[in-house]
Amino acid sequence: MKRAKLYFVIAAVVLPVIGCQFASCSGEPPAQIAADTTEHLWRGWNKYQIKPDDSLAKYGRELIENTSYYLGPKGIVTQITNGMNCQNCHLNGGTVPW
């Protein structure tokens, strides 16, 4: 059962990231994209824009913000990470471009 939860958690985090990478890829090198304005870049919903009944979106944001609680050395799902949160690099719950 723990293994099934682990696969679900990994799929919930990894698949949207991979999908966004392919969907937003314009074929230009990053240096050229960075020179453009950031108006066309995808931005995720902030925590106030998530609908109250959208529990999966809330859980995804919670997982990015508190990864170590779920997957860290003392995680409640499993103990597979070094204790860092995804939000340490992917700022504001993963909603900030670049």
PDB file of N, CA and C in Angstrom:
ATOM      1  N   MET A   1       0.822  -1.199   0.000  1.00  0.00           N
ATOM      2  CA  MET A   1       0.000   0.000   0.000  1.00  0.00           C
ATOM      3  C   MET A   1       0.867   1.265   0.000  1.00  0.00           C
ATOM      4  N   LYS A   2       1.973   1.252   0.780  1.00  0.00           N
ATOM      5  CA  LYS A   2       2.855   2.413   0.790  1.00  0.00           C
ATOM      6  C   LYS A   2       3.478   2.647  -0.572  1.00  0.00           C
ATOM      7  N   ARG A   3       3.811   1.554  -1.262  1.00  0.00           N
ATOM      8  CA  ARG A   3       4.411   1.676  -2.585  1.00  0.00           C
ATOM      9  C   ARG A   3       3.427   2.321  -3.561  1.00  0.00           C
ATOM     10  N   ALA A   4       2.145   1.963  -3.467  1.00  0.00           N
ATOM     11  CA  ALA A   4       1.131   2.557  -4.337  1.00  0.00           C
ATOM     12  C   ALA A   4       1.005   4.053  -4.066  1.00  0.00           C
ATOM     13  N   LYS A   5       1.049   4.444  -2.789  1.00  0.00           N
ATOM     14  CA  LYS A   5       1.002   5.861  -2.453  1.00  0.00           C
ATOM     15  C   LYS A   5       2.217   6.591  -3.001  1.00  0.00           C
ATOM     16  N   LEU A   6       3.377   5.961  -2.897  1.00  0.00           N
ATOM     17  CA  LEU A   6       4.605   6.567  -3.394  1.00  0.00           C
ATOM     18  C   LEU A   6       4.513   6.806  -4.891  1.00  0.00           C
ATOM     19  N   TYR A   7       4.034   5.817  -5.648  1.00  0.00           N
ATOM     20  CA  TYR A   7       3.902   5.983  -7.090  1.00  0.00           C
ATOM     21  C   TYR A   7       2.895   7.080  -7.428  1.00  0.00           C
ATOM     22  N   PHE A   8       1.827   7.177  -6.656  1.00  0.00           N
ATOM     23  CA  PHE A   8       0.847   8.236  -6.895  1.00  0.00           C
ATOM     24  C   PHE A   8       1.467   9.602  -6.640  1.00  0.00           C
ATOM     25  N   VAL A   9       2.199   9.743  -5.550  1.00  0.00           N
ATOM     26  CA  VAL A   9       2.834  11.020  -5.205  1.00  0.00           C
ATOM     27  C   VAL A   9       3.839  11.413  -6.276  1.00  0.00           C
ATOM     28  N   ILE A  10       4.660  10.471  -6.693  1.00  0.00           N
ATOM     29  CA  ILE A  10       5.649  10.768  -7.728  1.00  0.00           C
ATOM     30  C   ILE A  10       4.952  11.162  -9.025  1.00  0.00           C
ATOM     31  N   ALA A  11       3.909  10.430  -9.406  1.00  0.00           N
ATOM     32  CA  ALA A  11       3.181  10.753 -10.631  1.00  0.00           C
ATOM     33  C   ALA A  11       2.504  12.115 -10.528  1.00  0.00           C
ATOM     34  N   ALA A  12       1.966  12.432  -9.360  1.00  0.00           N
ATOM     35  CA  ALA A  12       1.279  13.712  -9.172  1.00  0.00           C
ATOM     36  C   ALA A  12       2.231  14.885  -9.285  1.00  0.00           C
ATOM     37  N   VAL A  13       3.492  14.688  -8.954  1.00  0.00           N
ATOM     38  CA  VAL A  13       4.474  15.779  -9.017  1.00  0.00           C
ATOM     39  C   VAL A  13       5.205  15.797 -10.352  1.00  0.00           C
ATOM     40  N   VAL A  14       5.655  14.649 -10.811  1.00  0.00           N
ATOM     41  CA  VAL A  14       6.524  14.588 -11.978  1.00  0.00           C
ATOM     42  C   VAL A  14       5.772  14.774 -13.287  1.00  0.00           C
ATOM     43  N   LEU A  15       4.641  14.118 -13.467  1.00  0.00           N
ATOM     44  CA  LEU A  15       3.945  14.184 -14.753  1.00  0.00           C
ATOM     45  C   LEU A  15       3.502  15.592 -15.140  1.00  0.00           C
ATOM     46  N   PRO A  16       2.926  16.393 -14.233  1.00  0.00           N
ATOM     47  CA  PRO A  16       2.579  17.761 -14.642  1.00  0.00           C
ATOM     48  C   PRO A  16       3.802  18.594 -15.019  1.00  0.00           C
ATOM     49  N   VAL A  17       4.914  18.386 -14.328  1.00  0.00           N
ATOM     50  CA  VAL A  17       6.132  19.139 -14.640  1.00  0.00           C
ATOM     51  C   VAL A  17       6.636  18.766 -16.026  1.00  0.00           C
ATOM     52  N   ILE A  18       6.655  17.474 -16.334  1.00  0.00           N
ATOM     53  CA  ILE A  18       7.099  17.023 -17.654  1.00  0.00           C
ATOM     54  C   ILE A  18       6.150  17.536 -18.726  1.00  0.00           C
ATOM     55  N   GLY A  19       4.852  17.459 -18.468  1.00  0.00           N
ATOM     56  CA  GLY A  19       3.869  17.934 -19.441  1.00  0.00           C
ATOM     57  C   GLY A  19       4.009  19.417 -19.715  1.00  0.00           C
ATOM     58  N   CYS A  20       4.245  20.202 -18.684  1.00  0.00           N
ATOM     59  CA  CYS A  20       4.407  21.647 -18.864  1.00  0.00           C
ATOM     60  C   CYS A  20       5.666  21.963 -19.641  1.00  0.00           C
ATOM     61  N   GLN A  21       6.719  21.178 -19.438  1.00  0.00           N
ATOM     62  CA  GLN A  21       7.954  21.409 -20.171  1.00  0.00           C
ATOM     63  C   GLN A  21       7.735  21.215 -21.670  1.00  0.00           C
ATOM     64  N   PHE A  22       7.006  20.147 -22.044  1.00  0.00           N
ATOM     65  CA  PHE A  22       6.789  19.885 -23.454  1.00  0.00           C
ATOM     66  C   PHE A  22       5.754  20.843 -24.043  1.00  0.00           C
ATOM     67  N   ALA A  23       4.748  21.187 -23.287  1.00  0.00           N
ATOM     68  CA  ALA A  23       3.688  22.045 -23.804  1.00  0.00           C
ATOM     69  C   ALA A  23       4.174  23.462 -24.039  1.00  0.00           C
ATOM     70  N   SER A  24       5.088  23.954 -23.201  1.00  0.00           N
ATOM     71  CA  SER A  24       5.526  25.343 -23.323  1.00  0.00           C
ATOM     72  C   SER A  24       6.805  25.476 -24.123  1.00  0.00           C
ATOM     73  N   CYS A  25       7.351  24.382 -24.593  1.00  0.00           N
ATOM     74  CA  CYS A  25       8.609  24.429 -25.328  1.00  0.00           C
ATOM     75  C   CYS A  25       8.366  25.015 -26.714  1.00  0.00           C
ATOM     76  N   SER A  26       9.061  26.081 -27.028  1.00  0.00           N
ATOM     77  CA  SER A  26       8.876  26.720 -28.331  1.00  0.00           C
ATOM     78  C   SER A  26      10.000  26.380 -29.294  1.00  0.00           C
ATOM     79  N   GLY A  27      10.972  25.599 -28.866  1.00  0.00           N
ATOM     80  CA  GLY A  27      12.070  25.238 -29.737  1.00  0.00           C
ATOM     81  C   GLY A  27      13.208  26.231 -29.711  1.00  0.00           C
ATOM     82  N   GLU A  28      13.052  27.339 -28.994  1.00  0.00           N
ATOM     83  CA  GLU A  28      14.105  28.338 -28.904  1.00  0.00           C
ATOM     84  C   GLU A  28      15.009  28.021 -27.717  1.00  0.00           C
ATOM     85  N   PRO A  29      16.278  28.338 -27.824  1.00  0.00           N
ATOM     86  CA  PRO A  29      17.163  28.162 -26.671  1.00  0.00           C
ATOM     87  C   PRO A  29      16.722  29.072 -25.525  1.00  0.00           C
ATOM     88  N   PRO A  30      16.994  28.703 -24.285  1.00  0.00           N
ATOM     89  CA  PRO A  30      16.558  29.508 -23.140  1.00  0.00           C
ATOM     90  C   PRO A  30      17.039  30.946 -23.170  1.00  0.00           C
ATOM     91  N   ALA A  31      18.214  31.230 -23.724  1.00  0.00           N
ATOM     92  CA  ALA A  31      18.715  32.603 -23.758  1.00  0.00           C
ATOM     93  C   ALA A  31      17.795  33.494 -24.591  1.00  0.00           C
ATOM     94  N   GLN A  32      17.277  32.961 -25.694  1.00  0.00           N
ATOM     95  CA  GLN A  32      16.387  33.750 -26.526  1.00  0.00           C
ATOM     96  C   GLN A  32      15.031  33.934 -25.861  1.00  0.00           C
ATOM     97  N   ILE A  33      14.579  32.923 -25.160  1.00  0.00           N
ATOM     98  CA  ILE A  33      13.295  33.023 -24.478  1.00  0.00           C
ATOM     99  C   ILE A  33      13.390  34.048 -23.355  1.00  0.00           C
ATOM    100  N   ALA A  34      14.501  34.045 -22.614  1.00  0.00           N
ATOM    101  CA  ALA A  34      14.672  34.966 -21.500  1.00  0.00           C
ATOM    102  C   ALA A  34      14.698  36.408 -21.978  1.00  0.00           C
ATOM    103  N   ALA A  35      15.133  36.638 -23.217  1.00  0.00           N
ATOM    104  CA  ALA A  35      15.184  37.989 -23.750  1.00  0.00           C
ATOM    105  C   ALA A  35      13.782  38.531 -24.019  1.00  0.00           C
ATOM    106  N   ASP A  36      12.826  37.637 -24.265  1.00  0.00           N
ATOM    107  CA  ASP A  36      11.447  38.060 -24.491  1.00  0.00           C
ATOM    108  C   ASP A  36      10.827  38.536 -23.183  1.00  0.00           C
ATOM    109  N   THR A  37       9.676  39.156 -23.288  1.00  0.00           N
ATOM    110  CA  THR A  37       8.955  39.520 -22.076  1.00  0.00           C
ATOM    111  C   THR A  37       8.373  38.269 -21.451  1.00  0.00           C
ATOM    112  N   THR A  38       8.057  38.334 -20.194  1.00  0.00           N
ATOM    113  CA  THR A  38       7.539  37.159 -19.487  1.00  0.00           C
ATOM    114  C   THR A  38       6.015  37.102 -19.507  1.00  0.00           C
ATOM    115  N   GLU A  39       5.380  37.914 -20.325  1.00  0.00           N
ATOM    116  CA  GLU A  39       3.918  37.941 -20.369  1.00  0.00           C
ATOM    117  C   GLU A  39       3.332  36.623 -20.860  1.00  0.00           C
ATOM    118  N   HIS A  40       4.001  35.953 -21.769  1.00  0.00           N
ATOM    119  CA  HIS A  40       3.449  34.731 -22.362  1.00  0.00           C
ATOM    120  C   HIS A  40       3.775  33.482 -21.558  1.00  0.00           C
ATOM    121  N   LEU A  41       4.567  33.598 -20.500  1.00  0.00           N
ATOM    122  CA  LEU A  41       4.947  32.422 -19.730  1.00  0.00           C
ATOM    123  C   LEU A  41       3.798  31.931 -18.871  1.00  0.00           C
ATOM    124  N   TRP A  42       3.760  30.612 -18.707  1.00  0.00           N
ATOM    125  CA  TRP A  42       2.739  30.000 -17.865  1.00  0.00           C
ATOM    126  C   TRP A  42       2.978  30.375 -16.419  1.00  0.00           C
ATOM    127  N   ARG A  43       1.923  30.723 -15.721  1.00  0.00           N
ATOM    128  CA  ARG A  43       1.996  30.969 -14.283  1.00  0.00           C
ATOM    129  C   ARG A  43       0.907  30.147 -13.622  1.00  0.00           C
ATOM    130  N   GLY A  44       1.274  29.440 -12.587  1.00  0.00           N
ATOM    131  CA  GLY A  44       0.306  28.615 -11.874  1.00  0.00           C
ATOM    132  C   GLY A  44      -0.602  29.463 -11.009  1.00  0.00           C
ATOM    133  N   TRP A  45      -1.696  28.864 -10.578  1.00  0.00           N
ATOM    134  CA  TRP A  45      -2.622  29.554  -9.690  1.00  0.00           C
ATOM    135  C   TRP A  45      -1.967  29.806  -8.348  1.00  0.00           C
ATOM    136  N   ASN A  46      -2.255  30.944  -7.747  1.00  0.00           N
ATOM    137  CA  ASN A  46      -1.814  31.121  -6.383  1.00  0.00           C
ATOM    138  C   ASN A  46      -2.798  30.402  -5.474  1.00  0.00           C
ATOM    139  N   LYS A  47      -2.489  30.300  -4.204  1.00  0.00           N
ATOM    140  CA  LYS A  47      -3.321  29.483  -3.315  1.00  0.00           C
ATOM    141  C   LYS A  47      -4.735  30.031  -3.152  1.00  0.00           C
ATOM    142  N   TYR A  48      -4.962  31.272  -3.480  1.00  0.00           N
ATOM    143  CA  TYR A  48      -6.295  31.855  -3.354  1.00  0.00           C
ATOM    144  C   TYR A  48      -7.147  31.615  -4.593  1.00  0.00           C
ATOM    145  N   GLN A  49      -6.534  31.201  -5.689  1.00  0.00           N
ATOM    146  CA  GLN A  49      -7.279  30.942  -6.918  1.00  0.00           C
ATOM    147  C   GLN A  49      -7.722  29.487  -7.049  1.00  0.00           C
ATOM    148  N   ILE A  50      -7.240  28.610  -6.181  1.00  0.00           N
ATOM    149  CA  ILE A  50      -7.635  27.207  -6.231  1.00  0.00           C
ATOM    150  C   ILE A  50      -9.067  27.085  -5.725  1.00  0.00           C
ATOM    151  N   LYS A  51      -9.899  26.411  -6.485  1.00  0.00           N
ATOM    152  CA  LYS A  51     -11.301  26.260  -6.104  1.00  0.00           C
ATOM    153  C   LYS A  51     -11.412  25.431  -4.828  1.00  0.00           C
ATOM    154  N   PRO A  52     -12.356  25.748  -3.958  1.00  0.00           N
ATOM    155  CA  PRO A  52     -12.493  25.024  -2.689  1.00  0.00           C
ATOM    156  C   PRO A  52     -12.709  23.523  -2.845  1.00  0.00           C
ATOM    157  N   ASP A  53     -13.337  23.090  -3.930  1.00  0.00           N
ATOM    158  CA  ASP A  53     -13.611  21.663  -4.104  1.00  0.00           C
ATOM    159  C   ASP A  53     -12.524  20.933  -4.897  1.00  0.00           C
ATOM    160  N   ASP A  54     -11.452  21.617  -5.266  1.00  0.00           N
ATOM    161  CA  ASP A  54     -10.366  21.004  -6.033  1.00  0.00           C
ATOM    162  C   ASP A  54      -9.294  20.456  -5.086  1.00  0.00           C
ATOM    163  N   SER A  55      -9.579  19.307  -4.504  1.00  0.00           N
ATOM    164  CA  SER A  55      -8.677  18.746  -3.497  1.00  0.00           C
ATOM    165  C   SER A  55      -7.353  18.288  -4.095  1.00  0.00           C
ATOM    166  N   LEU A  56      -7.328  17.860  -5.350  1.00  0.00           N
ATOM    167  CA  LEU A  56      -6.090  17.398  -5.961  1.00  0.00           C
ATOM    168  C   LEU A  56      -5.119  18.564  -6.170  1.00  0.00           C
ATOM    169  N   ALA A  57      -5.625  19.704  -6.606  1.00  0.00           N
ATOM    170  CA  ALA A  57      -4.768  20.880  -6.780  1.00  0.00           C
ATOM    171  C   ALA A  57      -4.233  21.358  -5.433  1.00  0.00           C
ATOM    172  N   LYS A  58      -5.080  21.326  -4.407  1.00  0.00           N
ATOM    173  CA  LYS A  58      -4.630  21.712  -3.072  1.00  0.00           C
ATOM    174  C   LYS A  58      -3.549  20.766  -2.566  1.00  0.00           C
ATOM    175  N   TYR A  59      -3.743  19.462  -2.797  1.00  0.00           N
ATOM    176  CA  TYR A  59      -2.751  18.484  -2.356  1.00  0.00           C
ATOM    177  C   TYR A  59      -1.435  18.666  -3.110  1.00  0.00           C
ATOM    178  N   GLY A  60      -1.501  18.934  -4.394  1.00  0.00           N
ATOM    179  CA  GLY A  60      -0.285  19.158  -5.179  1.00  0.00           C
ATOM    180  C   GLY A  60       0.499  20.341  -4.681  1.00  0.00           C
ATOM    181  N   ARG A  61      -0.190  21.430  -4.395  1.00  0.00           N
ATOM    182  CA  ARG A  61       0.497  22.608  -3.853  1.00  0.00           C
ATOM    183  C   ARG A  61       1.070  22.308  -2.474  1.00  0.00           C
ATOM    184  N   GLU A  62       0.289  21.623  -1.644  1.00  0.00           N
ATOM    185  CA  GLU A  62       0.753  21.230  -0.320  1.00  0.00           C
ATOM    186  C   GLU A  62       1.995  20.349  -0.416  1.00  0.00           C
ATOM    187  N   LEU A  63       2.017  19.448  -1.388  1.00  0.00           N
ATOM    188  CA  LEU A  63       3.154  18.553  -1.567  1.00  0.00           C
ATOM    189  C   LEU A  63       4.406  19.321  -1.984  1.00  0.00           C
ATOM    190  N   ILE A  64       4.267  20.294  -2.856  1.00  0.00           N
ATOM    191  CA  ILE A  64       5.413  21.098  -3.270  1.00  0.00           C
ATOM    192  C   ILE A  64       5.924  21.945  -2.105  1.00  0.00           C
ATOM    193  N   GLU A  65       5.007  22.524  -1.337  1.00  0.00           N
ATOM    194  CA  GLU A  65       5.408  23.388  -0.231  1.00  0.00           C
ATOM    195  C   GLU A  65       5.977  22.613   0.950  1.00  0.00           C
ATOM    196  N   ASN A  66       5.488  21.402   1.220  1.00  0.00           N
ATOM    197  CA  ASN A  66       5.878  20.630   2.398  1.00  0.00           C
ATOM    198  C   ASN A  66       6.317  19.223   2.028  1.00  0.00           C
ATOM    199  N   THR A  67       7.211  19.110   1.074  1.00  0.00           N
ATOM    200  CA  THR A  67       7.670  17.809   0.592  1.00  0.00           C
ATOM    201  C   THR A  67       8.279  16.983   1.712  1.00  0.00           C
ATOM    202  N   SER A  68       9.064  17.606   2.551  1.00  0.00           N
ATOM    203  CA  SER A  68       9.748  16.847   3.597  1.00  0.00           C
ATOM    204  C   SER A  68       8.765  16.255   4.608  1.00  0.00           C
ATOM    205  N   TYR A  69       7.613  16.873   4.787  1.00  0.00           N
ATOM    206  CA  TYR A  69       6.599  16.329   5.695  1.00  0.00           C
ATOM    207  C   TYR A  69       6.071  14.995   5.174  1.00  0.00           C
ATOM    208  N   TYR A  70       5.905  14.895   3.848  1.00  0.00           N
ATOM    209  CA  TYR A  70       5.368  13.685   3.247  1.00  0.00           C
ATOM    210  C   TYR A  70       6.460  12.675   2.879  1.00  0.00           C
ATOM    211  N   LEU A  71       7.596  13.164   2.341  1.00  0.00           N
ATOM    212  CA  LEU A  71       8.603  12.264   1.784  1.00  0.00           C
ATOM    213  C   LEU A  71       9.977  12.398   2.427  1.00  0.00           C
ATOM    214  N   GLY A  72      10.130  13.242   3.424  1.00  0.00           N
ATOM    215  CA  GLY A  72      11.431  13.493   4.038  1.00  0.00           C
ATOM    216  C   GLY A  72      11.898  12.375   4.941  1.00  0.00           C
ATOM    217  N   PRO A  73      12.989  12.615   5.675  1.00  0.00           N
ATOM    218  CA  PRO A  73      13.544  11.595   6.559  1.00  0.00           C
ATOM    219  C   PRO A  73      12.553  11.073   7.602  1.00  0.00           C
ATOM    220  N   LYS A  74      11.607  11.898   7.998  1.00  0.00           N
ATOM    221  CA  LYS A  74      10.554  11.477   8.931  1.00  0.00           C
ATOM    222  C   LYS A  74       9.184  11.616   8.275  1.00  0.00           C
ATOM    223  N   GLY A  75       9.124  11.388   6.954  1.00  0.00           N
ATOM    224  CA  GLY A  75       7.898  11.585   6.188  1.00  0.00           C
ATOM    225  C   GLY A  75       6.779  10.635   6.566  1.00  0.00           C
ATOM    226  N   ILE A  76       5.548  11.112   6.402  1.00  0.00           N
ATOM    227  CA  ILE A  76       4.396  10.290   6.772  1.00  0.00           C
ATOM    228  C   ILE A  76       4.016   9.300   5.674  1.00  0.00           C
ATOM    229  N   VAL A  77       4.421   9.539   4.410  1.00  0.00           N
ATOM    230  CA  VAL A  77       4.137   8.604   3.327  1.00  0.00           C
ATOM    231  C   VAL A  77       5.291   7.605   3.202  1.00  0.00           C
ATOM    232  N   THR A  78       6.487   8.128   3.041  1.00  0.00           N
ATOM    233  CA  THR A  78       7.691   7.294   2.970  1.00  0.00           C
ATOM    234  C   THR A  78       8.909   8.166   3.244  1.00  0.00           C
ATOM    235  N   GLN A  79      10.042   7.561   3.477  1.00  0.00           N
ATOM    236  CA  GLN A  79      11.261   8.295   3.795  1.00  0.00           C
ATOM    237  C   GLN A  79      12.249   8.128   2.637  1.00  0.00           C
ATOM    238  N   ILE A  80      12.124   8.990   1.620  1.00  0.00           N
ATOM    239  CA  ILE A  80      12.975   8.812   0.433  1.00  0.00           C
ATOM    240  C   ILE A  80      13.772  10.051   0.054  1.00  0.00           C
ATOM    241  N   THR A  81      13.546  11.196   0.690  1.00  0.00           N
ATOM    242  CA  THR A  81      14.263  12.403   0.271  1.00  0.00           C
ATOM    243  C   THR A  81      15.196  12.882   1.371  1.00  0.00           C
ATOM    244  N   ASN A  82      15.936  13.938   1.064  1.00  0.00           N
ATOM    245  CA  ASN A  82      16.926  14.475   1.989  1.00  0.00           C
ATOM    246  C   ASN A  82      16.330  15.479   2.974  1.00  0.00           C
ATOM    247  N   GLY A  83      15.056  15.706   2.930  1.00  0.00           N
ATOM    248  CA  GLY A  83      14.419  16.627   3.855  1.00  0.00           C
ATOM    249  C   GLY A  83      14.169  18.011   3.285  1.00  0.00           C
ATOM    250  N   MET A  84      14.578  18.238   2.053  1.00  0.00           N
ATOM    251  CA  MET A  84      14.308  19.544   1.434  1.00  0.00           C
ATOM    252  C   MET A  84      12.906  19.538   0.843  1.00  0.00           C
ATOM    253  N   ASN A  85      12.323  20.711   0.727  1.00  0.00           N
ATOM    254  CA  ASN A  85      11.031  20.873   0.077  1.00  0.00           C
ATOM    255  C   ASN A  85      11.253  21.255  -1.381  1.00  0.00           C
ATOM    256  N   CYS A  86      10.350  20.844  -2.260  1.00  0.00           N
ATOM    257  CA  CYS A  86      10.455  21.240  -3.669  1.00  0.00           C
ATOM    258  C   CYS A  86      10.454  22.764  -3.793  1.00  0.00           C
ATOM    259  N   GLN A  87       9.745  23.422  -2.899  1.00  0.00           N
ATOM    260  CA  GLN A  87       9.621  24.879  -2.927  1.00  0.00           C
ATOM    261  C   GLN A  87      10.949  25.576  -2.637  1.00  0.00           C
ATOM    262  N   ASN A  88      11.948  24.867  -2.163  1.00  0.00           N
ATOM    263  CA  ASN A  88      13.254  25.486  -1.960  1.00  0.00           C
ATOM    264  C   ASN A  88      13.806  26.021  -3.275  1.00  0.00           C
ATOM    265  N   CYS A  89      13.510  25.350  -4.386  1.00  0.00           N
ATOM    266  CA  CYS A  89      13.951  25.810  -5.702  1.00  0.00           C
ATOM    267  C   CYS A  89      12.788  26.326  -6.550  1.00  0.00           C
ATOM    268  N   HIS A  90      11.654  25.648  -6.491  1.00  0.00           N
ATOM    269  CA  HIS A  90      10.482  26.003  -7.290  1.00  0.00           C
ATOM    270  C   HIS A  90       9.622  26.959  -6.465  1.00  0.00           C
ATOM    271  N   LEU A  91       9.928  28.229  -6.581  1.00  0.00           N
ATOM    272  CA  LEU A  91       9.392  29.252  -5.687  1.00  0.00           C
ATOM    273  C   LEU A  91       7.886  29.400  -5.772  1.00  0.00           C
ATOM    274  N   ASN A  92       7.315  29.806  -4.654  1.00  0.00           N
ATOM    275  CA  ASN A  92       5.894  30.095  -4.522  1.00  0.00           C
ATOM    276  C   ASN A  92       5.035  28.908  -4.960  1.00  0.00           C
ATOM    277  N   GLY A  93       5.379  27.751  -4.482  1.00  0.00           N
ATOM    278  CA  GLY A  93       4.598  26.545  -4.803  1.00  0.00           C
ATOM    279  C   GLY A  93       4.759  26.104  -6.241  1.00  0.00           C
ATOM    280  N   GLY A  94       5.850  26.492  -6.898  1.00  0.00           N
ATOM    281  CA  GLY A  94       6.088  26.094  -8.274  1.00  0.00           C
ATOM    282  C   GLY A  94       5.367  26.933  -9.300  1.00  0.00           C
ATOM    283  N   THR A  95       4.894  28.104  -8.920  1.00  0.00           N
ATOM    284  CA  THR A  95       4.104  28.929  -9.843  1.00  0.00           C
ATOM    285  C   THR A  95       4.898  30.078 -10.475  1.00  0.00           C
ATOM    286  N   VAL A  96       6.153  30.252 -10.093  1.00  0.00           N
ATOM    287  CA  VAL A  96       6.956  31.345 -10.617  1.00  0.00           C
ATOM    288  C   VAL A  96       7.772  30.843 -11.812  1.00  0.00           C
ATOM    289  N   PRO A  97       7.658  31.473 -12.985  1.00  0.00           N
ATOM    290  CA  PRO A  97       8.446  31.035 -14.130  1.00  0.00           C
ATOM    291  C   PRO A  97       9.942  31.249 -13.881  1.00  0.00           C
ATOM    292  N   TRP A  98      10.728  30.372 -14.443  1.00  0.00           N
ATOM    293  CA  TRP A  98      12.188  30.410 -14.397  1.00  0.00           C
ATOM    294  C   TRP A  98      12.685  30.226 -12.993  1.00  0.00           C
TER     295      TRP A  98
END
